[in-house]
Amino acid sequence: MPSIIVCHIVYADVLGPERNNRVRGFGTGVVWSDVPGIITEKRGICREVEAITATYEEQIEAFNIEIERLKMEASEREEMQRIEQANMVTQLRKEHIDSMVVHNRRMDLEVENMKHELRAEIMSALMRAADGGIVEPKRVDVT
């Protein structure tokens, strides 16, 4: 015949631990203090499940914190890229404006050179005309 402790272990394995200060299998009105050796704590599997659940919840919380950290890093990186891009656009505009100013100065110099050359040609033509060396251009029939 199995000992009473073995019976309590079997009851606890099959039915779970005793709860609410009631003892199953002994009738009504029997409480824990009336029966020595009953198992009122959860067995190993229940404790393991609770431990795994607690570990899982801790991992979820850690992952959520990590996700938030990564989101913040991504947001900061995105902001830095936006600022860098704005700075690059500003730099390119400045370089473009500078090159346009240089180009306009070159064009102004060329126009001034052309004006000087034209004035020199006009003066040369006037000097030849004054000397009496006017040469009539050849007539071209455009009809």
Protein backbone atom coordinates (compact mmCIF):
# COMPACT_ATOMS: atom_id res chain seq x y z
CA MET A 1 0.00 0.00 0.00
CA PRO A 2 1.44 3.37 -0.97
CA SER A 3 2.38 5.76 1.73
CA ILE A 4 0.30 8.84 2.45
CA ILE A 5 2.98 11.14 1.03
CA VAL A 6 2.91 9.26 -2.28
CA CYS A 7 -0.88 9.67 -2.32
CA HIS A 8 -0.52 13.44 -1.80
CA ILE A 9 2.06 13.61 -4.59
CA VAL A 10 -0.25 11.70 -6.94
CA TYR A 11 -3.17 13.98 -6.04
CA ALA A 12 -1.01 17.05 -6.62
CA ASP A 13 0.30 15.72 -9.96
CA VAL A 14 -3.17 14.85 -11.25
CA LEU A 15 -5.32 17.59 -9.76
CA GLY A 16 -2.76 20.31 -9.09
CA PRO A 17 -1.96 21.86 -5.73
CA GLU A 18 -4.63 22.42 -3.15
CA ARG A 19 -6.19 25.87 -3.25
CA ASN A 20 -8.34 28.14 -1.15
CA ASN A 21 -7.52 26.19 2.04
CA ARG A 22 -9.54 23.16 0.84
CA VAL A 23 -8.31 19.58 0.70
CA ARG A 24 -9.72 17.46 -2.11
CA GLY A 25 -10.65 13.92 -1.38
CA PHE A 26 -11.22 14.42 2.37
CA GLY A 27 -14.73 15.83 2.29
CA THR A 28 -16.04 19.25 3.22
CA GLY A 29 -14.74 21.24 6.12
CA VAL A 30 -11.20 19.79 6.04
CA VAL A 31 -8.51 22.47 5.79
CA TRP A 32 -4.76 22.33 5.18
CA SER A 33 -3.85 22.36 8.83
CA ASP A 34 -5.98 19.22 9.36
CA VAL A 35 -3.99 17.09 6.88
CA PRO A 36 -0.23 16.82 7.30
CA GLY A 37 1.88 16.37 4.16
CA ILE A 38 -0.49 17.77 1.57
CA ILE A 39 1.08 19.70 -1.31
CA THR A 40 -0.06 23.29 -1.48
CA GLU A 41 2.65 24.64 -3.74
CA LYS A 42 2.78 24.36 -7.48
CA ARG A 43 4.73 21.50 -8.96
CA GLY A 44 7.84 21.89 -11.09
CA ILE A 45 6.10 22.19 -14.47
CA CYS A 46 3.88 25.04 -13.31
CA ARG A 47 6.88 26.83 -11.87
CA GLU A 48 8.79 26.28 -15.11
CA VAL A 49 5.90 27.64 -17.16
CA GLU A 50 5.68 30.69 -14.91
CA ALA A 51 9.46 31.19 -15.10
CA ILE A 52 9.41 30.86 -18.88
CA THR A 53 6.48 33.28 -19.08
CA ALA A 54 8.30 35.79 -16.87
CA THR A 55 11.48 35.42 -18.94
CA TYR A 56 9.46 35.82 -22.13
CA GLU A 57 7.82 38.99 -20.82
CA GLU A 58 11.21 40.37 -19.77
CA GLN A 59 12.57 39.61 -23.24
CA ILE A 60 9.59 41.31 -24.87
CA GLU A 61 10.18 44.38 -22.70
CA ALA A 62 13.90 44.36 -23.56
CA PHE A 63 13.10 43.99 -27.26
CA ASN A 64 10.58 46.85 -27.07
CA ILE A 65 13.22 49.04 -25.44
CA GLU A 66 15.72 48.04 -28.13
CA ILE A 67 13.16 48.77 -30.86
CA GLU A 68 12.53 52.22 -29.40
CA ARG A 69 16.28 52.86 -29.23
CA LEU A 70 16.73 51.79 -32.85
CA LYS A 71 13.81 53.99 -33.90
CA MET A 72 15.43 56.95 -32.16
CA GLU A 73 18.78 56.22 -33.83
CA ALA A 74 17.09 55.95 -37.23
CA SER A 75 15.24 59.20 -36.62
CA GLU A 76 18.46 60.95 -35.61
CA ARG A 77 20.27 59.52 -38.66
CA GLU A 78 17.43 60.67 -40.91
CA GLU A 79 17.57 64.16 -39.41
CA MET A 80 21.35 64.29 -39.87
CA GLN A 81 20.99 63.20 -43.50
CA ARG A 82 18.31 65.83 -44.10
CA ILE A 83 20.57 68.54 -42.63
CA GLU A 84 23.55 67.26 -44.62
CA GLN A 85 21.49 67.23 -47.80
CA ALA A 86 20.27 70.78 -47.16
CA ASN A 87 23.87 71.89 -46.58
CA MET A 88 24.95 70.17 -49.78
CA VAL A 89 22.19 71.89 -51.77
CA THR A 90 23.22 75.24 -50.29
CA GLN A 91 26.87 74.57 -51.16
CA LEU A 92 25.97 73.57 -54.73
CA ARG A 93 23.85 76.71 -55.17
CA LYS A 94 26.72 78.85 -53.89
CA GLU A 95 29.17 77.16 -56.26
CA HIS A 96 26.73 77.60 -59.14
CA ILE A 97 26.25 81.29 -58.34
CA ASP A 98 30.02 81.76 -58.06
CA SER A 99 30.60 80.09 -61.42
CA MET A 100 27.85 82.22 -62.99
CA VAL A 101 29.49 85.38 -61.60
CA VAL A 102 32.85 84.30 -63.07
CA HIS A 103 31.18 83.48 -66.39
CA ASN A 104 29.39 86.86 -66.45
CA ARG A 105 32.69 88.65 -65.76
CA ARG A 106 34.35 86.76 -68.64
CA MET A 107 31.46 87.66 -70.93
CA ASP A 108 31.67 91.33 -69.87
CA LEU A 109 35.41 91.30 -70.63
CA GLU A 110 34.78 89.75 -74.05
CA VAL A 111 32.11 92.35 -74.81
CA GLU A 112 34.49 95.12 -73.74
CA ASN A 113 37.25 93.64 -75.93
CA MET A 114 34.85 93.46 -78.87
CA LYS A 115 33.85 97.08 -78.29
CA HIS A 116 37.52 98.12 -78.27
CA GLU A 117 38.19 96.13 -81.45
CA LEU A 118 35.12 97.64 -83.12
CA ARG A 119 36.18 101.14 -82.09
CA ALA A 120 39.66 100.44 -83.44
CA GLU A 121 38.18 99.23 -86.75
CA ILE A 122 35.94 102.29 -86.97
CA MET A 123 38.86 104.59 -86.18
CA SER A 124 40.98 102.78 -88.77
CA ALA A 125 38.22 103.11 -91.37
CA LEU A 126 37.81 106.80 -90.53
CA MET A 127 41.56 107.34 -90.83
CA ARG A 128 41.63 105.66 -94.25
CA ALA A 129 38.62 107.73 -95.33
CA ALA A 130 40.35 110.88 -94.20
CA ASP A 131 43.41 109.88 -96.21
CA GLY A 132 41.23 109.41 -99.24
CA GLY A 133 41.62 105.70 -99.41
CA ILE A 134 37.96 104.80 -99.22
CA VAL A 135 37.39 101.49 -100.84
CA GLU A 136 33.91 100.76 -102.04
CA PRO A 137 32.64 97.36 -101.05
CA LYS A 138 31.64 95.02 -103.84
CA ARG A 139 28.00 95.14 -104.54
CA VAL A 140 26.10 91.93 -104.12
CA ASP A 141 22.82 91.39 -105.88
CA VAL A 142 20.36 89.94 -103.37
CA THR A 143 17.33 89.80 -105.66
